[in-house]
Amino acid sequence: MDHLSSTFAALADPTRRAILARLTSGEATVNELAEPFDISGPAISRHLKVLERAGLIARGREAQWRPCRLEADRLKEIDDWLDRYRKFWEERFDRIDDYLRDLQQGGEE
């Protein structure tokens, strides 16, 4: 699976998106990440593995704990991919603005 597909697949789950949102505040342990969810330890571990395989998080090792941290490079890839569609829509909206302006000017004459 290519990077973009695995990233979108990982982001498809609301629990994984919430985990990523939490990691924007800084590193966290598995227990800290699991705290707001009513799911089992193995389930949170599976979510973390999906995020890690997609390159969205990295897990370190410090003594007895394994902090997780956000890896934003893959999110940048999505932003770059979306940028071409953003430009497409901006051009469309600009054309609509021009059309509406022409209509207003035509109605004032």
PDB file of N, CA and C in Angstrom:
ATOM      1  N   MET A   1       0.855  -1.176   0.000  1.00  0.00           N
ATOM      2  CA  MET A   1       0.000   0.000   0.000  1.00  0.00           C
ATOM      3  C   MET A   1       0.901   1.239   0.000  1.00  0.00           C
ATOM      4  N   ASP A   2       0.554   2.220  -0.806  1.00  0.00           N
ATOM      5  CA  ASP A   2       1.359   3.442  -0.875  1.00  0.00           C
ATOM      6  C   ASP A   2       1.146   4.288   0.380  1.00  0.00           C
ATOM      7  N   HIS A   3       2.044   5.272   0.576  1.00  0.00           N
ATOM      8  CA  HIS A   3       1.992   6.115   1.779  1.00  0.00           C
ATOM      9  C   HIS A   3       0.650   6.811   1.934  1.00  0.00           C
ATOM     10  N   LEU A   4       0.162   7.399   0.866  1.00  0.00           N
ATOM     11  CA  LEU A   4      -1.078   8.157   0.933  1.00  0.00           C
ATOM     12  C   LEU A   4      -2.256   7.272   1.340  1.00  0.00           C
ATOM     13  N   SER A   5      -2.326   6.089   0.754  1.00  0.00           N
ATOM     14  CA  SER A   5      -3.424   5.169   1.085  1.00  0.00           C
ATOM     15  C   SER A   5      -3.358   4.710   2.529  1.00  0.00           C
ATOM     16  N   SER A   6      -2.165   4.373   3.003  1.00  0.00           N
ATOM     17  CA  SER A   6      -2.056   3.912   4.392  1.00  0.00           C
ATOM     18  C   SER A   6      -2.332   5.050   5.366  1.00  0.00           C
ATOM     19  N   THR A   7      -1.972   6.270   4.997  1.00  0.00           N
ATOM     20  CA  THR A   7      -2.247   7.420   5.863  1.00  0.00           C
ATOM     21  C   THR A   7      -3.745   7.670   5.947  1.00  0.00           C
ATOM     22  N   PHE A   8      -4.419   7.686   4.793  1.00  0.00           N
ATOM     23  CA  PHE A   8      -5.873   7.880   4.808  1.00  0.00           C
ATOM     24  C   PHE A   8      -6.575   6.742   5.546  1.00  0.00           C
ATOM     25  N   ALA A   9      -6.122   5.518   5.374  1.00  0.00           N
ATOM     26  CA  ALA A   9      -6.725   4.388   6.082  1.00  0.00           C
ATOM     27  C   ALA A   9      -6.568   4.555   7.594  1.00  0.00           C
ATOM     28  N   ALA A  10      -5.400   5.000   8.024  1.00  0.00           N
ATOM     29  CA  ALA A  10      -5.175   5.206   9.453  1.00  0.00           C
ATOM     30  C   ALA A  10      -6.056   6.336   9.989  1.00  0.00           C
ATOM     31  N   LEU A  11      -6.239   7.375   9.191  1.00  0.00           N
ATOM     32  CA  LEU A  11      -7.037   8.521   9.617  1.00  0.00           C
ATOM     33  C   LEU A  11      -8.540   8.270   9.547  1.00  0.00           C
ATOM     34  N   ALA A  12      -8.942   7.165   8.947  1.00  0.00           N
ATOM     35  CA  ALA A  12     -10.364   6.867   8.789  1.00  0.00           C
ATOM     36  C   ALA A  12     -11.054   6.590  10.124  1.00  0.00           C
ATOM     37  N   ASP A  13     -10.294   6.232  11.137  1.00  0.00           N
ATOM     38  CA  ASP A  13     -10.880   5.873  12.425  1.00  0.00           C
ATOM     39  C   ASP A  13     -10.866   7.060  13.393  1.00  0.00           C
ATOM     40  N   PRO A  14     -12.002   7.382  14.018  1.00  0.00           N
ATOM     41  CA  PRO A  14     -12.058   8.531  14.921  1.00  0.00           C
ATOM     42  C   PRO A  14     -11.163   8.386  16.162  1.00  0.00           C
ATOM     43  N   THR A  15     -10.965   7.170  16.640  1.00  0.00           N
ATOM     44  CA  THR A  15     -10.077   6.969  17.791  1.00  0.00           C
ATOM     45  C   THR A  15      -8.652   7.333  17.417  1.00  0.00           C
ATOM     46  N   ARG A  16      -8.223   6.911  16.239  1.00  0.00           N
ATOM     47  CA  ARG A  16      -6.861   7.231  15.806  1.00  0.00           C
ATOM     48  C   ARG A  16      -6.694   8.733  15.568  1.00  0.00           C
ATOM     49  N   ARG A  17      -7.720   9.376  15.031  1.00  0.00           N
ATOM     50  CA  ARG A  17      -7.642  10.836  14.861  1.00  0.00           C
ATOM     51  C   ARG A  17      -7.553  11.531  16.214  1.00  0.00           C
ATOM     52  N   ALA A  18      -8.274  11.029  17.197  1.00  0.00           N
ATOM     53  CA  ALA A  18      -8.220  11.613  18.546  1.00  0.00           C
ATOM     54  C   ALA A  18      -6.838  11.410  19.170  1.00  0.00           C
ATOM     55  N   ILE A  19      -6.241  10.267  18.930  1.00  0.00           N
ATOM     56  CA  ILE A  19      -4.888  10.005  19.431  1.00  0.00           C
ATOM     57  C   ILE A  19      -3.913  11.000  18.816  1.00  0.00           C
ATOM     58  N   LEU A  20      -4.006  11.200  17.511  1.00  0.00           N
ATOM     59  CA  LEU A  20      -3.131  12.167  16.845  1.00  0.00           C
ATOM     60  C   LEU A  20      -3.356  13.577  17.391  1.00  0.00           C
ATOM     61  N   ALA A  21      -4.615  13.935  17.628  1.00  0.00           N
ATOM     62  CA  ALA A  21      -4.921  15.259  18.182  1.00  0.00           C
ATOM     63  C   ALA A  21      -4.262  15.419  19.550  1.00  0.00           C
ATOM     64  N   ARG A  22      -4.306  14.372  20.352  1.00  0.00           N
ATOM     65  CA  ARG A  22      -3.664  14.433  21.674  1.00  0.00           C
ATOM     66  C   ARG A  22      -2.155  14.611  21.535  1.00  0.00           C
ATOM     67  N   LEU A  23      -1.561  13.958  20.557  1.00  0.00           N
ATOM     68  CA  LEU A  23      -0.109  14.019  20.381  1.00  0.00           C
ATOM     69  C   LEU A  23       0.377  15.371  19.860  1.00  0.00           C
ATOM     70  N   THR A  24      -0.531  16.208  19.382  1.00  0.00           N
ATOM     71  CA  THR A  24      -0.108  17.557  18.988  1.00  0.00           C
ATOM     72  C   THR A  24       0.346  18.363  20.206  1.00  0.00           C
ATOM     73  N   SER A  25      -0.054  17.922  21.402  1.00  0.00           N
ATOM     74  CA  SER A  25       0.360  18.589  22.646  1.00  0.00           C
ATOM     75  C   SER A  25       1.703  18.091  23.157  1.00  0.00           C
ATOM     76  N   GLY A  26       2.224  17.045  22.540  1.00  0.00           N
ATOM     77  CA  GLY A  26       3.510  16.495  22.964  1.00  0.00           C
ATOM     78  C   GLY A  26       3.439  14.989  23.166  1.00  0.00           C
ATOM     79  N   GLU A  27       4.585  14.427  23.504  1.00  0.00           N
ATOM     80  CA  GLU A  27       4.675  12.980  23.704  1.00  0.00           C
ATOM     81  C   GLU A  27       3.722  12.515  24.795  1.00  0.00           C
ATOM     82  N   ALA A  28       3.312  11.245  24.681  1.00  0.00           N
ATOM     83  CA  ALA A  28       2.430  10.651  25.683  1.00  0.00           C
ATOM     84  C   ALA A  28       2.697   9.153  25.744  1.00  0.00           C
ATOM     85  N   THR A  29       2.441   8.591  26.907  1.00  0.00           N
ATOM     86  CA  THR A  29       2.579   7.142  27.065  1.00  0.00           C
ATOM     87  C   THR A  29       1.321   6.468  26.521  1.00  0.00           C
ATOM     88  N   VAL A  30       1.399   5.171  26.350  1.00  0.00           N
ATOM     89  CA  VAL A  30       0.240   4.398  25.890  1.00  0.00           C
ATOM     90  C   VAL A  30      -0.909   4.572  26.876  1.00  0.00           C
ATOM     91  N   ASN A  31      -0.623   4.509  28.167  1.00  0.00           N
ATOM     92  CA  ASN A  31      -1.675   4.673  29.178  1.00  0.00           C
ATOM     93  C   ASN A  31      -2.312   6.056  29.104  1.00  0.00           C
ATOM     94  N   GLU A  32      -1.515   7.083  28.890  1.00  0.00           N
ATOM     95  CA  GLU A  32      -2.068   8.434  28.758  1.00  0.00           C
ATOM     96  C   GLU A  32      -2.949   8.544  27.519  1.00  0.00           C
ATOM     97  N   LEU A  33      -2.528   7.907  26.449  1.00  0.00           N
ATOM     98  CA  LEU A  33      -3.323   7.945  25.221  1.00  0.00           C
ATOM     99  C   LEU A  33      -4.612   7.147  25.359  1.00  0.00           C
ATOM    100  N   ALA A  34      -4.572   6.066  26.132  1.00  0.00           N
ATOM    101  CA  ALA A  34      -5.737   5.198  26.295  1.00  0.00           C
ATOM    102  C   ALA A  34      -6.772   5.788  27.247  1.00  0.00           C
ATOM    103  N   GLU A  35      -6.340   6.670  28.132  1.00  0.00           N
ATOM    104  CA  GLU A  35      -7.183   7.180  29.216  1.00  0.00           C
ATOM    105  C   GLU A  35      -8.574   7.658  28.800  1.00  0.00           C
ATOM    106  N   PRO A  36      -8.710   8.483  27.753  1.00  0.00           N
ATOM    107  CA  PRO A  36     -10.058   9.002  27.446  1.00  0.00           C
ATOM    108  C   PRO A  36     -10.979   8.001  26.737  1.00  0.00           C
ATOM    109  N   PHE A  37     -10.476   6.829  26.398  1.00  0.00           N
ATOM    110  CA  PHE A  37     -11.270   5.873  25.619  1.00  0.00           C
ATOM    111  C   PHE A  37     -11.737   4.701  26.479  1.00  0.00           C
ATOM    112  N   ASP A  38     -12.905   4.217  26.167  1.00  0.00           N
ATOM    113  CA  ASP A  38     -13.446   3.055  26.862  1.00  0.00           C
ATOM    114  C   ASP A  38     -13.178   1.804  26.016  1.00  0.00           C
ATOM    115  N   ILE A  39     -11.873   1.552  25.791  1.00  0.00           N
ATOM    116  CA  ILE A  39     -11.474   0.374  25.028  1.00  0.00           C
ATOM    117  C   ILE A  39     -10.338  -0.330  25.761  1.00  0.00           C
ATOM    118  N   SER A  40     -10.097  -1.559  25.394  1.00  0.00           N
ATOM    119  CA  SER A  40      -9.083  -2.367  26.075  1.00  0.00           C
ATOM    120  C   SER A  40      -7.667  -1.923  25.712  1.00  0.00           C
ATOM    121  N   GLY A  41      -6.718  -2.360  26.522  1.00  0.00           N
ATOM    122  CA  GLY A  41      -5.308  -2.106  26.244  1.00  0.00           C
ATOM    123  C   GLY A  41      -4.875  -2.664  24.896  1.00  0.00           C
ATOM    124  N   PRO A  42      -5.248  -3.926  24.606  1.00  0.00           N
ATOM    125  CA  PRO A  42      -4.884  -4.469  23.291  1.00  0.00           C
ATOM    126  C   PRO A  42      -5.494  -3.677  22.127  1.00  0.00           C
ATOM    127  N   ALA A  43      -6.695  -3.147  22.319  1.00  0.00           N
ATOM    128  CA  ALA A  43      -7.327  -2.363  21.242  1.00  0.00           C
ATOM    129  C   ALA A  43      -6.560  -1.066  21.011  1.00  0.00           C
ATOM    130  N   ILE A  44      -6.149  -0.397  22.076  1.00  0.00           N
ATOM    131  CA  ILE A  44      -5.384   0.846  21.906  1.00  0.00           C
ATOM    132  C   ILE A  44      -4.041   0.532  21.260  1.00  0.00           C
ATOM    133  N   SER A  45      -3.453  -0.602  21.625  1.00  0.00           N
ATOM    134  CA  SER A  45      -2.180  -1.013  21.011  1.00  0.00           C
ATOM    135  C   SER A  45      -2.340  -1.246  19.516  1.00  0.00           C
ATOM    136  N   ARG A  46      -3.451  -1.837  19.114  1.00  0.00           N
ATOM    137  CA  ARG A  46      -3.700  -2.048  17.681  1.00  0.00           C
ATOM    138  C   ARG A  46      -3.820  -0.711  16.953  1.00  0.00           C
ATOM    139  N   HIS A  47      -4.523   0.238  17.569  1.00  0.00           N
ATOM    140  CA  HIS A  47      -4.628   1.575  16.956  1.00  0.00           C
ATOM    141  C   HIS A  47      -3.244   2.205  16.803  1.00  0.00           C
ATOM    142  N   LEU A  48      -2.423   2.080  17.833  1.00  0.00           N
ATOM    143  CA  LEU A  48      -1.078   2.662  17.775  1.00  0.00           C
ATOM    144  C   LEU A  48      -0.229   1.986  16.705  1.00  0.00           C
ATOM    145  N   LYS A  49      -0.389   0.685  16.534  1.00  0.00           N
ATOM    146  CA  LYS A  49       0.359  -0.020  15.489  1.00  0.00           C
ATOM    147  C   LYS A  49      -0.044   0.462  14.099  1.00  0.00           C
ATOM    148  N   VAL A  50      -1.331   0.696  13.900  1.00  0.00           N
ATOM    149  CA  VAL A  50      -1.800   1.208  12.601  1.00  0.00           C
ATOM    150  C   VAL A  50      -1.193   2.585  12.346  1.00  0.00           C
ATOM    151  N   LEU A  51      -1.223   3.439  13.357  1.00  0.00           N
ATOM    152  CA  LEU A  51      -0.649   4.783  13.213  1.00  0.00           C
ATOM    153  C   LEU A  51       0.854   4.723  12.969  1.00  0.00           C
ATOM    154  N   GLU A  52       1.515   3.803  13.644  1.00  0.00           N
ATOM    155  CA  GLU A  52       2.961   3.661  13.476  1.00  0.00           C
ATOM    156  C   GLU A  52       3.304   3.134  12.084  1.00  0.00           C
ATOM    157  N   ARG A  53       2.570   2.120  11.617  1.00  0.00           N
ATOM    158  CA  ARG A  53       2.815   1.584  10.264  1.00  0.00           C
ATOM    159  C   ARG A  53       2.567   2.634   9.195  1.00  0.00           C
ATOM    160  N   ALA A  54       1.615   3.530   9.445  1.00  0.00           N
ATOM    161  CA  ALA A  54       1.313   4.592   8.484  1.00  0.00           C
ATOM    162  C   ALA A  54       2.331   5.732   8.570  1.00  0.00           C
ATOM    163  N   GLY A  55       3.227   5.661   9.535  1.00  0.00           N
ATOM    164  CA  GLY A  55       4.247   6.694   9.674  1.00  0.00           C
ATOM    165  C   GLY A  55       3.751   7.958  10.352  1.00  0.00           C
ATOM    166  N   LEU A  56       2.590   7.878  11.022  1.00  0.00           N
ATOM    167  CA  LEU A  56       2.016   9.049  11.667  1.00  0.00           C
ATOM    168  C   LEU A  56       2.512   9.257  13.091  1.00  0.00           C
ATOM    169  N   ILE A  57       2.984   8.181  13.711  1.00  0.00           N
ATOM    170  CA  ILE A  57       3.569   8.298  15.045  1.00  0.00           C
ATOM    171  C   ILE A  57       4.855   7.486  15.099  1.00  0.00           C
ATOM    172  N   ALA A  58       5.661   7.798  16.089  1.00  0.00           N
ATOM    173  CA  ALA A  58       6.862   7.010  16.386  1.00  0.00           C
ATOM    174  C   ALA A  58       6.834   6.708  17.876  1.00  0.00           C
ATOM    175  N   ARG A  59       7.341   5.554  18.228  1.00  0.00           N
ATOM    176  CA  ARG A  59       7.397   5.183  19.642  1.00  0.00           C
ATOM    177  C   ARG A  59       8.851   5.042  20.050  1.00  0.00           C
ATOM    178  N   GLY A  60       9.183   5.739  21.098  1.00  0.00           N
ATOM    179  CA  GLY A  60      10.541   5.682  21.619  1.00  0.00           C
ATOM    180  C   GLY A  60      10.649   4.682  22.756  1.00  0.00           C
ATOM    181  N   ARG A  61      11.800   4.683  23.380  1.00  0.00           N
ATOM    182  CA  ARG A  61      11.973   3.824  24.546  1.00  0.00           C
ATOM    183  C   ARG A  61      12.827   4.590  25.541  1.00  0.00           C
ATOM    184  N   GLU A  62      12.230   4.897  26.666  1.00  0.00           N
ATOM    185  CA  GLU A  62      12.937   5.576  27.744  1.00  0.00           C
ATOM    186  C   GLU A  62      12.697   4.786  29.019  1.00  0.00           C
ATOM    187  N   ALA A  63      13.723   4.092  29.461  1.00  0.00           N
ATOM    188  CA  ALA A  63      13.630   3.238  30.655  1.00  0.00           C
ATOM    189  C   ALA A  63      12.463   2.265  30.489  1.00  0.00           C
ATOM    190  N   GLN A  64      11.466   2.352  31.374  1.00  0.00           N
ATOM    191  CA  GLN A  64      10.355   1.395  31.356  1.00  0.00           C
ATOM    192  C   GLN A  64       9.183   1.837  30.478  1.00  0.00           C
ATOM    193  N   TRP A  65       9.207   3.049  29.996  1.00  0.00           N
ATOM    194  CA  TRP A  65       8.045   3.495  29.230  1.00  0.00           C
ATOM    195  C   TRP A  65       8.398   3.793  27.784  1.00  0.00           C
ATOM    196  N   ARG A  66       7.391   3.717  26.940  1.00  0.00           N
ATOM    197  CA  ARG A  66       7.571   3.930  25.506  1.00  0.00           C
ATOM    198  C   ARG A  66       6.704   5.092  25.058  1.00  0.00           C
ATOM    199  N   PRO A  67       7.244   6.297  25.124  1.00  0.00           N
ATOM    200  CA  PRO A  67       6.433   7.456  24.723  1.00  0.00           C
ATOM    201  C   PRO A  67       6.159   7.458  23.219  1.00  0.00           C
ATOM    202  N   CYS A  68       4.970   7.914  22.878  1.00  0.00           N
ATOM    203  CA  CYS A  68       4.581   8.064  21.474  1.00  0.00           C
ATOM    204  C   CYS A  68       4.677   9.535  21.116  1.00  0.00           C
ATOM    205  N   ARG A  69       5.072   9.801  19.882  1.00  0.00           N
ATOM    206  CA  ARG A  69       5.123  11.189  19.415  1.00  0.00           C
ATOM    207  C   ARG A  69       4.589  11.259  17.990  1.00  0.00           C
ATOM    208  N   LEU A  70       4.068  12.401  17.667  1.00  0.00           N
ATOM    209  CA  LEU A  70       3.515  12.650  16.339  1.00  0.00           C
ATOM    210  C   LEU A  70       4.642  12.786  15.322  1.00  0.00           C
ATOM    211  N   GLU A  71       4.453  12.182  14.169  1.00  0.00           N
ATOM    212  CA  GLU A  71       5.367  12.334  13.033  1.00  0.00           C
ATOM    213  C   GLU A  71       4.565  13.037  11.939  1.00  0.00           C
ATOM    214  N   ALA A  72       4.761  14.323  11.790  1.00  0.00           N
ATOM    215  CA  ALA A  72       3.898  15.142  10.946  1.00  0.00           C
ATOM    216  C   ALA A  72       4.219  15.079   9.451  1.00  0.00           C
ATOM    217  N   ASP A  73       5.323  14.448   9.059  1.00  0.00           N
ATOM    218  CA  ASP A  73       5.691  14.410   7.635  1.00  0.00           C
ATOM    219  C   ASP A  73       4.598  13.796   6.769  1.00  0.00           C
ATOM    220  N   ARG A  74       3.968  12.729   7.248  1.00  0.00           N
ATOM    221  CA  ARG A  74       2.905  12.094   6.450  1.00  0.00           C
ATOM    222  C   ARG A  74       1.693  13.006   6.320  1.00  0.00           C
ATOM    223  N   LEU A  75       1.423  13.796   7.340  1.00  0.00           N
ATOM    224  CA  LEU A  75       0.323  14.750   7.241  1.00  0.00           C
ATOM    225  C   LEU A  75       0.642  15.823   6.210  1.00  0.00           C
ATOM    226  N   LYS A  76       1.897  16.171   6.089  1.00  0.00           N
ATOM    227  CA  LYS A  76       2.334  17.126   5.068  1.00  0.00           C
ATOM    228  C   LYS A  76       2.091  16.548   3.674  1.00  0.00           C
ATOM    229  N   GLU A  77       2.326  15.242   3.507  1.00  0.00           N
ATOM    230  CA  GLU A  77       2.058  14.599   2.213  1.00  0.00           C
ATOM    231  C   GLU A  77       0.579  14.723   1.846  1.00  0.00           C
ATOM    232  N   ILE A  78      -0.300  14.560   2.822  1.00  0.00           N
ATOM    233  CA  ILE A  78      -1.731  14.703   2.562  1.00  0.00           C
ATOM    234  C   ILE A  78      -2.051  16.144   2.190  1.00  0.00           C
ATOM    235  N   ASP A  79      -1.464  17.072   2.920  1.00  0.00           N
ATOM    236  CA  ASP A  79      -1.695  18.488   2.623  1.00  0.00           C
ATOM    237  C   ASP A  79      -1.244  18.822   1.201  1.00  0.00           C
ATOM    238  N   ASP A  80      -0.097  18.292   0.805  1.00  0.00           N
ATOM    239  CA  ASP A  80       0.395  18.524  -0.563  1.00  0.00           C
ATOM    240  C   ASP A  80      -0.569  17.936  -1.588  1.00  0.00           C
ATOM    241  N   TRP A  81      -1.090  16.742  -1.312  1.00  0.00           N
ATOM    242  CA  TRP A  81      -2.020  16.087  -2.222  1.00  0.00           C
ATOM    243  C   TRP A  81      -3.319  16.894  -2.318  1.00  0.00           C
ATOM    244  N   LEU A  82      -3.794  17.372  -1.172  1.00  0.00           N
ATOM    245  CA  LEU A  82      -5.029  18.152  -1.157  1.00  0.00           C
ATOM    246  C   LEU A  82      -4.864  19.516  -1.810  1.00  0.00           C
ATOM    247  N   ASP A  83      -3.646  20.020  -1.836  1.00  0.00           N
ATOM    248  CA  ASP A  83      -3.392  21.358  -2.360  1.00  0.00           C
ATOM    249  C   ASP A  83      -3.864  21.513  -3.799  1.00  0.00           C
ATOM    250  N   ARG A  84      -3.668  20.485  -4.615  1.00  0.00           N
ATOM    251  CA  ARG A  84      -4.109  20.620  -6.015  1.00  0.00           C
ATOM    252  C   ARG A  84      -5.625  20.741  -6.110  1.00  0.00           C
ATOM    253  N   TYR A  85      -6.346  20.083  -5.193  1.00  0.00           N
ATOM    254  CA  TYR A  85      -7.807  20.201  -5.197  1.00  0.00           C
ATOM    255  C   TYR A  85      -8.238  21.519  -4.602  1.00  0.00           C
ATOM    256  N   ARG A  86      -7.498  22.014  -3.634  1.00  0.00           N
ATOM    257  CA  ARG A  86      -7.761  23.325  -3.048  1.00  0.00           C
ATOM    258  C   ARG A  86      -7.637  24.388  -4.139  1.00  0.00           C
ATOM    259  N   LYS A  87      -6.591  24.294  -4.944  1.00  0.00           N
ATOM    260  CA  LYS A  87      -6.395  25.254  -6.035  1.00  0.00           C
ATOM    261  C   LYS A  87      -7.538  25.169  -7.043  1.00  0.00           C
ATOM    262  N   PHE A  88      -7.972  23.954  -7.349  1.00  0.00           N
ATOM    263  CA  PHE A  88      -9.085  23.754  -8.274  1.00  0.00           C
ATOM    264  C   PHE A  88     -10.325  24.487  -7.770  1.00  0.00           C
ATOM    265  N   TRP A  89     -10.668  24.302  -6.489  1.00  0.00           N
ATOM    266  CA  TRP A  89     -11.863  24.931  -5.940  1.00  0.00           C
ATOM    267  C   TRP A  89     -11.707  26.433  -5.817  1.00  0.00           C
ATOM    268  N   GLU A  90     -10.528  26.891  -5.485  1.00  0.00           N
ATOM    269  CA  GLU A  90     -10.311  28.341  -5.413  1.00  0.00           C
ATOM    270  C   GLU A  90     -10.527  28.983  -6.778  1.00  0.00           C
ATOM    271  N   GLU A  91     -10.053  28.330  -7.836  1.00  0.00           N
ATOM    272  CA  GLU A  91     -10.271  28.849  -9.188  1.00  0.00           C
ATOM    273  C   GLU A  91     -11.759  28.864  -9.525  1.00  0.00           C
ATOM    274  N   ARG A  92     -12.466  27.824  -9.129  1.00  0.00           N
ATOM    275  CA  ARG A  92     -13.911  27.781  -9.367  1.00  0.00           C
ATOM    276  C   ARG A  92     -14.620  28.910  -8.639  1.00  0.00           C
ATOM    277  N   PHE A  93     -14.256  29.113  -7.371  1.00  0.00           N
ATOM    278  CA  PHE A  93     -14.889  30.181  -6.599  1.00  0.00           C
ATOM    279  C   PHE A  93     -14.554  31.554  -7.172  1.00  0.00           C
ATOM    280  N   ASP A  94     -13.336  31.719  -7.674  1.00  0.00           N
ATOM    281  CA  ASP A  94     -12.971  32.988  -8.309  1.00  0.00           C
ATOM    282  C   ASP A  94     -13.844  33.241  -9.530  1.00  0.00           C
ATOM    283  N   ARG A  95     -14.104  32.193 -10.311  1.00  0.00           N
ATOM    284  CA  ARG A  95     -14.958  32.346 -11.490  1.00  0.00           C
ATOM    285  C   ARG A  95     -16.389  32.686 -11.093  1.00  0.00           C
ATOM    286  N   ILE A  96     -16.860  32.080 -10.013  1.00  0.00           N
ATOM    287  CA  ILE A  96     -18.213  32.399  -9.528  1.00  0.00           C
ATOM    288  C   ILE A  96     -18.267  33.855  -9.071  1.00  0.00           C
ATOM    289  N   ASP A  97     -17.221  34.294  -8.351  1.00  0.00           N
ATOM    290  CA  ASP A  97     -17.156  35.693  -7.921  1.00  0.00           C
ATOM    291  C   ASP A  97     -17.210  36.626  -9.124  1.00  0.00           C
ATOM    292  N   ASP A  98     -16.436  36.309 -10.158  1.00  0.00           N
ATOM    293  CA  ASP A  98     -16.431  37.136 -11.374  1.00  0.00           C
ATOM    294  C   ASP A  98     -17.820  37.157 -12.012  1.00  0.00           C
ATOM    295  N   TYR A  99     -18.457  36.020 -12.086  1.00  0.00           N
ATOM    296  CA  TYR A  99     -19.788  35.917 -12.678  1.00  0.00           C
ATOM    297  C   TYR A  99     -20.799  36.756 -11.895  1.00  0.00           C
ATOM    298  N   LEU A 100     -20.758  36.641 -10.566  1.00  0.00           N
ATOM    299  CA  LEU A 100     -21.693  37.410  -9.738  1.00  0.00           C
ATOM    300  C   LEU A 100     -21.438  38.906  -9.846  1.00  0.00           C
ATOM    301  N   ARG A 101     -20.180  39.284  -9.932  1.00  0.00           N
ATOM    302  CA  ARG A 101     -19.826  40.695 -10.094  1.00  0.00           C
ATOM    303  C   ARG A 101     -20.374  41.213 -11.427  1.00  0.00           C
ATOM    304  N   ASP A 102     -20.225  40.404 -12.490  1.00  0.00           N
ATOM    305  CA  ASP A 102     -20.753  40.793 -13.802  1.00  0.00           C
ATOM    306  C   ASP A 102     -22.275  40.945 -13.754  1.00  0.00           C
ATOM    307  N   LEU A 103     -22.925  40.024 -13.048  1.00  0.00           N
ATOM    308  CA  LEU A 103     -24.397  40.113 -12.924  1.00  0.00           C
ATOM    309  C   LEU A 103     -24.816  41.379 -12.202  1.00  0.00           C
ATOM    310  N   GLN A 104     -24.095  41.702 -11.109  1.00  0.00           N
ATOM    311  CA  GLN A 104     -24.430  42.903 -10.349  1.00  0.00           C
ATOM    312  C   GLN A 104     -24.204  44.159 -11.184  1.00  0.00           C
ATOM    313  N   GLN A 105     -23.125  44.196 -11.910  1.00  0.00           N
ATOM    314  CA  GLN A 105     -22.822  45.372 -12.733  1.00  0.00           C
ATOM    315  C   GLN A 105     -23.821  45.492 -13.875  1.00  0.00           C
ATOM    316  N   GLY A 106     -24.244  44.368 -14.415  1.00  0.00           N
ATOM    317  CA  GLY A 106     -25.226  44.388 -15.505  1.00  0.00           C
ATOM    318  C   GLY A 106     -26.584  44.838 -15.026  1.00  0.00           C
ATOM    319  N   GLY A 107     -26.925  44.530 -13.796  1.00  0.00           N
ATOM    320  CA  GLY A 107     -28.222  44.911 -13.240  1.00  0.00           C
ATOM    321  C   GLY A 107     -28.272  46.368 -12.820  1.00  0.00           C
ATOM    322  N   GLU A 108     -27.121  47.007 -12.658  1.00  0.00           N
ATOM    323  CA  GLU A 108     -27.101  48.405 -12.221  1.00  0.00           C
ATOM    324  C   GLU A 108     -27.204  49.370 -13.391  1.00  0.00           C
ATOM    325  N   GLU A 109     -27.015  48.919 -14.599  1.00  0.00           N
ATOM    326  CA  GLU A 109     -27.029  49.806 -15.772  1.00  0.00           C
ATOM    327  C   GLU A 109     -28.419  50.185 -16.175  1.00  0.00           C
TER     328      GLU A 109
END
